[in-house]
PDB file of N, CA and C in Angstrom:
ATOM      1  N   MET A   1     -12.399   1.860  -3.273  1.00  0.00           N
ATOM      2  CA  MET A   1     -12.159   2.153  -3.912  1.00  0.00           C
ATOM      3  C   MET A   1     -11.218   1.048  -3.974  1.00  0.00           C
ATOM      4  N   ASN A   2     -11.166  -0.361  -5.091  1.00  0.00           N
ATOM      5  CA  ASN A   2     -10.437  -0.837  -5.842  1.00  0.00           C
ATOM      6  C   ASN A   2      -8.951  -0.981  -6.266  1.00  0.00           C
ATOM      7  N   LEU A   3      -8.423  -1.108  -6.812  1.00  0.00           N
ATOM      8  CA  LEU A   3      -7.093  -0.637  -7.484  1.00  0.00           C
ATOM      9  C   LEU A   3      -7.071  -1.715  -7.983  1.00  0.00           C
ATOM     10  N   ASN A   4      -6.291  -0.955  -8.965  1.00  0.00           N
ATOM     11  CA  ASN A   4      -5.393  -1.572 -10.734  1.00  0.00           C
ATOM     12  C   ASN A   4      -4.457  -1.927 -10.867  1.00  0.00           C
ATOM     13  N   VAL A   5      -3.707  -2.367 -11.472  1.00  0.00           N
ATOM     14  CA  VAL A   5      -2.224  -1.610 -12.440  1.00  0.00           C
ATOM     15  C   VAL A   5      -2.753  -0.216 -12.551  1.00  0.00           C
ATOM     16  N   LEU A   6      -3.483   0.169 -13.156  1.00  0.00           N
ATOM     17  CA  LEU A   6      -3.444   1.609 -14.197  1.00  0.00           C
ATOM     18  C   LEU A   6      -3.319   2.921 -12.735  1.00  0.00           C
ATOM     19  N   LYS A   7      -4.101   2.931 -11.558  1.00  0.00           N
ATOM     20  CA  LYS A   7      -4.494   3.310 -10.863  1.00  0.00           C
ATOM     21  C   LYS A   7      -3.079   3.322  -9.887  1.00  0.00           C
ATOM     22  N   ILE A   8      -2.374   1.764  -9.648  1.00  0.00           N
ATOM     23  CA  ILE A   8      -1.579   1.666  -8.728  1.00  0.00           C
ATOM     24  C   ILE A   8      -0.120   2.400  -9.171  1.00  0.00           C
ATOM     25  N   ASN A   9      -0.238   2.421 -10.660  1.00  0.00           N
ATOM     26  CA  ASN A   9       1.088   2.977 -11.363  1.00  0.00           C
ATOM     27  C   ASN A   9       1.027   4.188 -11.432  1.00  0.00           C
ATOM     28  N   GLY A  10       0.039   4.653 -11.390  1.00  0.00           N
ATOM     29  CA  GLY A  10      -0.460   6.628 -11.226  1.00  0.00           C
ATOM     30  C   GLY A  10      -0.291   7.115  -9.531  1.00  0.00           C
ATOM     31  N   LEU A  11      -0.300   6.288  -9.115  1.00  0.00           N
ATOM     32  CA  LEU A  11      -0.314   6.420  -7.834  1.00  0.00           C
ATOM     33  C   LEU A  11       1.811   7.185  -7.947  1.00  0.00           C
ATOM     34  N   LYS A  12       1.298   8.527  -7.036  1.00  0.00           N
ATOM     35  CA  LYS A  12       2.798   8.939  -6.661  1.00  0.00           C
ATOM     36  C   LYS A  12       2.324  10.147  -4.867  1.00  0.00           C
ATOM     37  N   HIS A  13       4.314   9.811  -4.284  1.00  0.00           N
ATOM     38  CA  HIS A  13       4.039  10.179  -2.855  1.00  0.00           C
ATOM     39  C   HIS A  13       3.739  12.071  -3.635  1.00  0.00           C
ATOM     40  N   SER A  14       2.591  12.796  -2.287  1.00  0.00           N
ATOM     41  CA  SER A  14       3.095  14.173  -2.617  1.00  0.00           C
ATOM     42  C   SER A  14       3.243  14.764  -2.598  1.00  0.00           C
ATOM     43  N   GLY A  15       4.546  14.791  -1.676  1.00  0.00           N
ATOM     44  CA  GLY A  15       5.341  15.645  -1.316  1.00  0.00           C
ATOM     45  C   GLY A  15       5.346  16.441   0.148  1.00  0.00           C
ATOM     46  N   THR A  16       3.886  16.890   0.126  1.00  0.00           N
ATOM     47  CA  THR A  16       4.115  17.520   1.225  1.00  0.00           C
ATOM     48  C   THR A  16       4.250  17.394   2.966  1.00  0.00           C
ATOM     49  N   SER A  17       4.973  15.941   2.668  1.00  0.00           N
ATOM     50  CA  SER A  17       5.108  14.994   3.827  1.00  0.00           C
ATOM     51  C   SER A  17       6.165  14.087   3.407  1.00  0.00           C
ATOM     52  N   SER A  18       6.709  14.301   5.365  1.00  0.00           N
ATOM     53  CA  SER A  18       7.148  13.104   5.108  1.00  0.00           C
ATOM     54  C   SER A  18       6.676  11.364   4.990  1.00  0.00           C
ATOM     55  N   LYS A  19       5.693  11.321   5.671  1.00  0.00           N
ATOM     56  CA  LYS A  19       5.417  10.074   5.992  1.00  0.00           C
ATOM     57  C   LYS A  19       4.330   9.616   4.664  1.00  0.00           C
ATOM     58  N   VAL A  20       4.584   7.956   5.118  1.00  0.00           N
ATOM     59  CA  VAL A  20       3.931   7.367   4.390  1.00  0.00           C
ATOM     60  C   VAL A  20       2.211   7.566   3.515  1.00  0.00           C
ATOM     61  N   GLU A  21       1.970   7.193   2.361  1.00  0.00           N
ATOM     62  CA  GLU A  21       0.255   8.072   2.264  1.00  0.00           C
ATOM     63  C   GLU A  21      -0.213   6.765   1.519  1.00  0.00           C
ATOM     64  N   PRO A  22      -1.533   5.365   2.971  1.00  0.00           N
ATOM     65  CA  PRO A  22      -1.900   5.019   2.663  1.00  0.00           C
ATOM     66  C   PRO A  22      -3.748   4.767   1.243  1.00  0.00           C
ATOM     67  N   TYR A  23      -3.553   3.850   0.543  1.00  0.00           N
ATOM     68  CA  TYR A  23      -4.466   3.806  -0.220  1.00  0.00           C
ATOM     69  C   TYR A  23      -4.245   2.618  -0.102  1.00  0.00           C
ATOM     70  N   SER A  24      -6.519   2.681   0.447  1.00  0.00           N
ATOM     71  CA  SER A  24      -6.792   1.415   0.451  1.00  0.00           C
ATOM     72  C   SER A  24      -7.527   0.594  -0.996  1.00  0.00           C
ATOM     73  N   ASP A  25      -7.549  -0.515  -0.723  1.00  0.00           N
ATOM     74  CA  ASP A  25      -8.318  -1.725  -1.911  1.00  0.00           C
ATOM     75  C   ASP A  25      -9.646  -2.076  -0.684  1.00  0.00           C
ATOM     76  N   GLY A  26     -10.158  -2.917   0.146  1.00  0.00           N
ATOM     77  CA  GLY A  26     -10.736  -3.301   0.702  1.00  0.00           C
ATOM     78  C   GLY A  26     -10.216  -3.672   1.869  1.00  0.00           C
ATOM     79  N   ASN A  27     -11.082  -4.110   2.880  1.00  0.00           N
ATOM     80  CA  ASN A  27     -11.404  -5.399   3.403  1.00  0.00           C
ATOM     81  C   ASN A  27      -9.630  -5.019   4.409  1.00  0.00           C
ATOM     82  N   GLY A  28      -9.147  -4.247   4.796  1.00  0.00           N
ATOM     83  CA  GLY A  28      -7.835  -4.515   5.103  1.00  0.00           C
ATOM     84  C   GLY A  28      -6.207  -4.221   4.853  1.00  0.00           C
ATOM     85  N   LEU A  29      -6.292  -4.588   3.934  1.00  0.00           N
ATOM     86  CA  LEU A  29      -5.461  -4.321   2.290  1.00  0.00           C
ATOM     87  C   LEU A  29      -5.235  -3.151   2.149  1.00  0.00           C
ATOM     88  N   PHE A  30      -3.870  -2.204   2.668  1.00  0.00           N
ATOM     89  CA  PHE A  30      -3.909  -1.032   2.068  1.00  0.00           C
ATOM     90  C   PHE A  30      -2.327  -1.333   1.169  1.00  0.00           C
ATOM     91  N   LEU A  31      -2.227  -0.340  -0.323  1.00  0.00           N
ATOM     92  CA  LEU A  31      -0.885   0.180  -0.680  1.00  0.00           C
ATOM     93  C   LEU A  31      -0.363   2.156   0.098  1.00  0.00           C
ATOM     94  N   LEU A  32       0.909   1.298   0.255  1.00  0.00           N
ATOM     95  CA  LEU A  32       1.085   2.392   1.135  1.00  0.00           C
ATOM     96  C   LEU A  32       2.533   2.532   0.505  1.00  0.00           C
ATOM     97  N   VAL A  33       2.148   4.509  -0.793  1.00  0.00           N
ATOM     98  CA  VAL A  33       3.046   5.115  -1.059  1.00  0.00           C
ATOM     99  C   VAL A  33       4.502   5.958  -0.730  1.00  0.00           C
ATOM    100  N   HIS A  34       5.503   5.467  -0.241  1.00  0.00           N
ATOM    101  CA  HIS A  34       6.929   6.388   0.504  1.00  0.00           C
ATOM    102  C   HIS A  34       7.594   7.854   0.050  1.00  0.00           C
ATOM    103  N   PRO A  35       7.558   8.337   0.664  1.00  0.00           N
ATOM    104  CA  PRO A  35       7.852   9.484   0.237  1.00  0.00           C
ATOM    105  C   PRO A  35       9.122  10.030  -1.482  1.00  0.00           C
ATOM    106  N   SER A  36       9.870   8.392  -0.987  1.00  0.00           N
ATOM    107  CA  SER A  36      10.949   8.047  -2.030  1.00  0.00           C
ATOM    108  C   SER A  36       9.136   7.398  -3.347  1.00  0.00           C
ATOM    109  N   SER A  37       8.679   7.618  -3.146  1.00  0.00           N
ATOM    110  CA  SER A  37       7.370   6.557  -3.933  1.00  0.00           C
ATOM    111  C   SER A  37       7.673   5.766  -4.479  1.00  0.00           C
ATOM    112  N   ALA A  38       7.781   4.902  -3.548  1.00  0.00           N
ATOM    113  CA  ALA A  38       8.253   2.982  -3.623  1.00  0.00           C
ATOM    114  C   ALA A  38       7.273   2.828  -2.201  1.00  0.00           C
ATOM    115  N   LYS A  39       6.769   0.700  -3.344  1.00  0.00           N
ATOM    116  CA  LYS A  39       4.945   0.949  -2.519  1.00  0.00           C
ATOM    117  C   LYS A  39       5.283  -0.458  -2.046  1.00  0.00           C
ATOM    118  N   THR A  40       4.587  -0.296  -0.889  1.00  0.00           N
ATOM    119  CA  THR A  40       4.751  -2.274  -0.791  1.00  0.00           C
ATOM    120  C   THR A  40       3.285  -1.849   0.471  1.00  0.00           C
ATOM    121  N   TRP A  41       2.817  -3.073  -0.246  1.00  0.00           N
ATOM    122  CA  TRP A  41       1.167  -3.446   0.566  1.00  0.00           C
ATOM    123  C   TRP A  41       1.965  -3.563   2.068  1.00  0.00           C
ATOM    124  N   GLN A  42       0.306  -3.727   3.091  1.00  0.00           N
ATOM    125  CA  GLN A  42       0.255  -4.086   4.153  1.00  0.00           C
ATOM    126  C   GLN A  42      -1.542  -4.232   4.791  1.00  0.00           C
ATOM    127  N   LEU A  43      -1.150  -5.092   5.480  1.00  0.00           N
ATOM    128  CA  LEU A  43      -2.567  -6.555   5.978  1.00  0.00           C
ATOM    129  C   LEU A  43      -2.722  -5.423   6.875  1.00  0.00           C
ATOM    130  N   ARG A  44      -3.944  -4.927   7.241  1.00  0.00           N
ATOM    131  CA  ARG A  44      -4.424  -4.335   8.955  1.00  0.00           C
ATOM    132  C   ARG A  44      -5.944  -5.488   9.241  1.00  0.00           C
ATOM    133  N   TYR A  45      -5.500  -5.704  10.366  1.00  0.00           N
ATOM    134  CA  TYR A  45      -6.970  -6.858  11.110  1.00  0.00           C
ATOM    135  C   TYR A  45      -6.509  -6.319  11.856  1.00  0.00           C
ATOM    136  N   THR A  46      -7.039  -7.693  12.448  1.00  0.00           N
ATOM    137  CA  THR A  46      -8.430  -7.533  14.450  1.00  0.00           C
ATOM    138  C   THR A  46      -7.989  -8.845  14.183  1.00  0.00           C
ATOM    139  N   PHE A  47      -7.628  -9.136  15.474  1.00  0.00           N
ATOM    140  CA  PHE A  47      -7.492 -10.521  16.174  1.00  0.00           C
ATOM    141  C   PHE A  47      -7.275 -11.145  17.559  1.00  0.00           C
ATOM    142  N   GLN A  48      -8.455 -11.460  18.001  1.00  0.00           N
ATOM    143  CA  GLN A  48      -9.315 -11.628  19.782  1.00  0.00           C
ATOM    144  C   GLN A  48      -9.146  -9.829  20.473  1.00  0.00           C
ATOM    145  N   GLY A  49      -9.625  -8.754  19.304  1.00  0.00           N
ATOM    146  CA  GLY A  49      -9.899  -7.494  20.180  1.00  0.00           C
ATOM    147  C   GLY A  49      -8.429  -6.560  20.177  1.00  0.00           C
ATOM    148  N   LYS A  50      -7.844  -7.289  19.549  1.00  0.00           N
ATOM    149  CA  LYS A  50      -6.197  -6.644  19.389  1.00  0.00           C
ATOM    150  C   LYS A  50      -5.681  -6.739  18.011  1.00  0.00           C
ATOM    151  N   ARG A  51      -5.374  -5.380  17.186  1.00  0.00           N
ATOM    152  CA  ARG A  51      -5.511  -4.988  15.847  1.00  0.00           C
ATOM    153  C   ARG A  51      -3.793  -4.850  16.007  1.00  0.00           C
ATOM    154  N   GLY A  52      -3.556  -5.717  14.528  1.00  0.00           N
ATOM    155  CA  GLY A  52      -1.595  -6.036  14.301  1.00  0.00           C
ATOM    156  C   GLY A  52      -1.838  -4.999  12.496  1.00  0.00           C
ATOM    157  N   LYS A  53      -0.573  -5.377  11.889  1.00  0.00           N
ATOM    158  CA  LYS A  53      -0.773  -4.652  11.034  1.00  0.00           C
ATOM    159  C   LYS A  53       0.520  -6.237   9.943  1.00  0.00           C
ATOM    160  N   ILE A  54       0.444  -6.060   9.134  1.00  0.00           N
ATOM    161  CA  ILE A  54       1.795  -7.226   7.786  1.00  0.00           C
ATOM    162  C   ILE A  54       2.176  -6.638   6.966  1.00  0.00           C
ATOM    163  N   LYS A  55       3.341  -6.185   6.881  1.00  0.00           N
ATOM    164  CA  LYS A  55       3.113  -5.866   5.073  1.00  0.00           C
ATOM    165  C   LYS A  55       3.796  -7.345   4.514  1.00  0.00           C
ATOM    166  N   VAL A  56       2.731  -7.381   3.605  1.00  0.00           N
ATOM    167  CA  VAL A  56       2.941  -8.724   2.533  1.00  0.00           C
ATOM    168  C   VAL A  56       3.503  -8.768   1.411  1.00  0.00           C
ATOM    169  N   GLY A  57       4.738  -9.456   1.828  1.00  0.00           N
ATOM    170  CA  GLY A  57       6.004  -9.302   0.123  1.00  0.00           C
ATOM    171  C   GLY A  57       7.363  -9.239   0.573  1.00  0.00           C
ATOM    172  N   ASP A  58       8.249  -9.528   0.012  1.00  0.00           N
ATOM    173  CA  ASP A  58       9.469  -8.559   0.936  1.00  0.00           C
ATOM    174  C   ASP A  58      10.665  -7.585  -0.288  1.00  0.00           C
ATOM    175  N   ARG A  59       9.492  -7.108  -1.299  1.00  0.00           N
ATOM    176  CA  ARG A  59       9.504  -6.667  -2.976  1.00  0.00           C
ATOM    177  C   ARG A  59       8.375  -4.953  -2.012  1.00  0.00           C
ATOM    178  N   PRO A  60       9.018  -3.673  -3.017  1.00  0.00           N
ATOM    179  CA  PRO A  60       8.103  -2.844  -3.199  1.00  0.00           C
ATOM    180  C   PRO A  60       7.517  -3.456  -4.313  1.00  0.00           C
ATOM    181  N   TYR A  61       6.230  -3.190  -4.351  1.00  0.00           N
ATOM    182  CA  TYR A  61       5.700  -3.087  -5.278  1.00  0.00           C
ATOM    183  C   TYR A  61       5.481  -2.412  -6.863  1.00  0.00           C
ATOM    184  N   SER A  62       6.175  -3.546  -8.181  1.00  0.00           N
ATOM    185  CA  SER A  62       6.405  -2.879  -8.689  1.00  0.00           C
ATOM    186  C   SER A  62       6.353  -3.936 -10.494  1.00  0.00           C
ATOM    187  N   TRP A  63       5.501  -3.562 -11.425  1.00  0.00           N
ATOM    188  CA  TRP A  63       4.513  -3.839 -12.415  1.00  0.00           C
ATOM    189  C   TRP A  63       5.440  -4.491 -13.675  1.00  0.00           C
ATOM    190  N   VAL A  64       5.523  -6.339 -13.936  1.00  0.00           N
ATOM    191  CA  VAL A  64       6.539  -6.880 -14.660  1.00  0.00           C
ATOM    192  C   VAL A  64       5.546  -7.248 -15.702  1.00  0.00           C
ATOM    193  N   ARG A  65       5.440  -6.968 -17.282  1.00  0.00           N
ATOM    194  CA  ARG A  65       4.522  -8.114 -18.110  1.00  0.00           C
ATOM    195  C   ARG A  65       5.322  -8.481 -19.069  1.00  0.00           C
ATOM    196  N   ILE A  66       3.887  -9.580 -19.290  1.00  0.00           N
ATOM    197  CA  ILE A  66       4.933 -11.176 -19.570  1.00  0.00           C
ATOM    198  C   ILE A  66       4.536 -11.185 -20.610  1.00  0.00           C
TER     199      ILE A  66
END
């Protein structure tokens, strides 16, 4: 599922748990929706047989129209 601005802005945390809800954009890129409804990007990767995660960006996701 490729995420676009309309899909991302429509995502809300379900509120049924206190866990982060991930939404995949493909190739290891995920948008994480936190219980506070803040959204952050995460890249999951494998390097030399070991899995890792990298937070992408230093601020929660926000859409700014120019």
